[in-house]
Amino acid sequence: MANDERIYNISIAPAVSDRMSDHFEFLARVSVDAADRLLAELMEGIRSLEKMPYRNPTYNRPYLTVGKYRYMISGKRYRIIYQIMNDTVFVDDIQDCRQDDDRLTISLEEEE
């Protein structure tokens, strides 16, 4: 069986970058080392989507198009939500899994 050597481009929505910065800054007030680890884990998770982004499950919610989004867990408690279009993975949201995910992802479909 041949391996799929395809490399996908990664596009991170500006709101996702802002949310990562907010989490980083909040955590850095407590521990800069912990904030650095969190950022490294999130970026490692996102970069891993360059190869085999289909390996993760779909992210289905009643208000989202079925099968459009996928998700992965990174940094032990962060959900990275993304969609794959052609050769690009669009990272559309990052959620702290301790929060209400329905409240956070409504903006995904509204921004299209």
Protein backbone atom coordinates (compact mmCIF):
# COMPACT_ATOMS: atom_id res chain seq x y z
CA MET A 1 0.00 0.00 0.00
CA ALA A 2 1.49 3.34 -1.07
CA ASN A 3 1.71 6.19 1.41
CA ASP A 4 -0.01 9.46 0.52
CA GLU A 5 2.86 11.94 0.41
CA ARG A 6 0.56 14.90 -0.14
CA ILE A 7 1.38 18.02 1.87
CA TYR A 8 -1.52 20.36 2.62
CA ASN A 9 -1.21 24.12 3.03
CA ILE A 10 -2.33 25.50 6.39
CA SER A 11 -4.38 28.68 6.71
CA ILE A 12 -5.12 29.99 10.21
CA ALA A 13 -8.04 32.39 10.54
CA PRO A 14 -7.12 35.74 12.15
CA ALA A 15 -9.64 35.09 14.94
CA VAL A 16 -7.83 31.84 15.75
CA SER A 17 -4.49 33.67 16.00
CA ASP A 18 -6.13 36.20 18.30
CA ARG A 19 -7.63 33.46 20.46
CA MET A 20 -4.25 31.68 20.73
CA SER A 21 -2.64 34.97 21.75
CA ASP A 22 -5.31 35.55 24.39
CA HIS A 23 -4.78 32.08 25.88
CA PHE A 24 -1.01 32.54 25.76
CA GLU A 25 -1.12 35.95 27.45
CA PHE A 26 -3.53 34.75 30.13
CA LEU A 27 -1.39 31.71 30.95
CA ALA A 28 1.85 33.72 30.81
CA ARG A 29 0.62 35.79 33.78
CA VAL A 30 0.85 32.57 35.80
CA SER A 31 3.77 30.82 34.09
CA VAL A 32 5.71 31.88 31.02
CA ASP A 33 7.08 28.33 30.68
CA ALA A 34 3.56 26.87 30.68
CA ALA A 35 2.44 29.46 28.12
CA ASP A 36 5.40 28.61 25.88
CA ARG A 37 4.56 24.89 26.13
CA LEU A 38 0.91 25.56 25.28
CA LEU A 39 1.79 27.61 22.21
CA ALA A 40 4.30 24.98 21.07
CA GLU A 41 1.72 22.18 21.51
CA LEU A 42 -0.97 24.09 19.61
CA MET A 43 1.39 24.94 16.76
CA GLU A 44 2.66 21.35 16.62
CA GLY A 45 -0.93 20.13 16.37
CA ILE A 46 -1.74 22.61 13.63
CA ARG A 47 1.44 21.79 11.70
CA SER A 48 0.60 18.09 11.92
CA LEU A 49 -2.43 18.79 9.74
CA GLU A 50 -0.08 19.28 6.78
CA LYS A 51 -0.03 15.49 6.54
CA MET A 52 -3.12 13.30 6.86
CA PRO A 53 -5.69 15.87 8.00
CA TYR A 54 -8.43 13.33 7.32
CA ARG A 55 -7.22 11.17 10.22
CA ASN A 56 -9.32 13.15 12.71
CA PRO A 57 -13.08 12.77 13.25
CA THR A 58 -15.73 15.09 11.88
CA TYR A 59 -17.06 17.83 14.11
CA ASN A 60 -20.82 17.69 13.85
CA ARG A 61 -23.16 20.08 15.60
CA PRO A 62 -26.83 20.76 14.73
CA TYR A 63 -26.04 24.24 13.40
CA LEU A 64 -23.07 23.19 11.23
CA THR A 65 -23.03 21.57 7.80
CA VAL A 66 -22.65 17.83 8.40
CA GLY A 67 -19.16 16.57 7.64
CA LYS A 68 -17.75 20.00 6.80
CA TYR A 69 -15.48 20.37 9.83
CA ARG A 70 -13.03 18.07 11.57
CA TYR A 71 -11.33 18.45 14.91
CA MET A 72 -8.34 17.32 16.89
CA ILE A 73 -7.37 17.73 20.52
CA SER A 74 -4.09 19.49 21.22
CA GLY A 75 -2.44 20.73 24.37
CA LYS A 76 -4.53 18.27 26.41
CA ARG A 77 -7.64 20.45 26.44
CA TYR A 78 -7.83 22.49 23.26
CA ARG A 79 -9.97 21.51 20.30
CA ILE A 80 -8.67 22.64 16.91
CA ILE A 81 -11.53 22.85 14.42
CA TYR A 82 -10.71 22.88 10.74
CA GLN A 83 -11.99 22.17 7.26
CA ILE A 84 -10.21 20.77 4.24
CA MET A 85 -10.72 22.32 0.83
CA ASN A 86 -8.64 21.01 -2.06
CA ASP A 87 -5.02 21.21 -0.90
CA THR A 88 -5.58 23.61 2.03
CA VAL A 89 -6.52 23.02 5.66
CA PHE A 90 -8.36 26.03 7.08
CA VAL A 91 -8.09 26.28 10.86
CA ASP A 92 -11.34 28.01 11.77
CA ASP A 93 -11.48 27.79 15.55
CA ILE A 94 -9.60 26.77 18.67
CA GLN A 95 -11.66 26.05 21.75
CA ASP A 96 -10.82 25.43 25.35
CA CYS A 97 -12.70 22.16 25.94
CA ARG A 98 -13.60 23.28 29.44
CA GLN A 99 -15.92 25.90 27.94
CA ASP A 100 -19.28 25.52 26.21
CA ASP A 101 -18.34 24.54 22.64
CA ASP A 102 -21.78 25.38 21.23
CA ARG A 103 -21.36 29.00 22.29
CA LEU A 104 -17.95 29.30 20.65
CA THR A 105 -18.43 27.75 17.20
CA ILE A 106 -21.60 29.49 16.11
CA SER A 107 -19.44 32.12 14.42
CA LEU A 108 -17.91 29.48 12.12
CA GLU A 109 -20.89 29.30 9.77
CA GLU A 110 -21.73 32.99 10.08
CA GLU A 111 -18.32 34.14 8.77
CA GLU A 112 -18.59 32.35 5.42
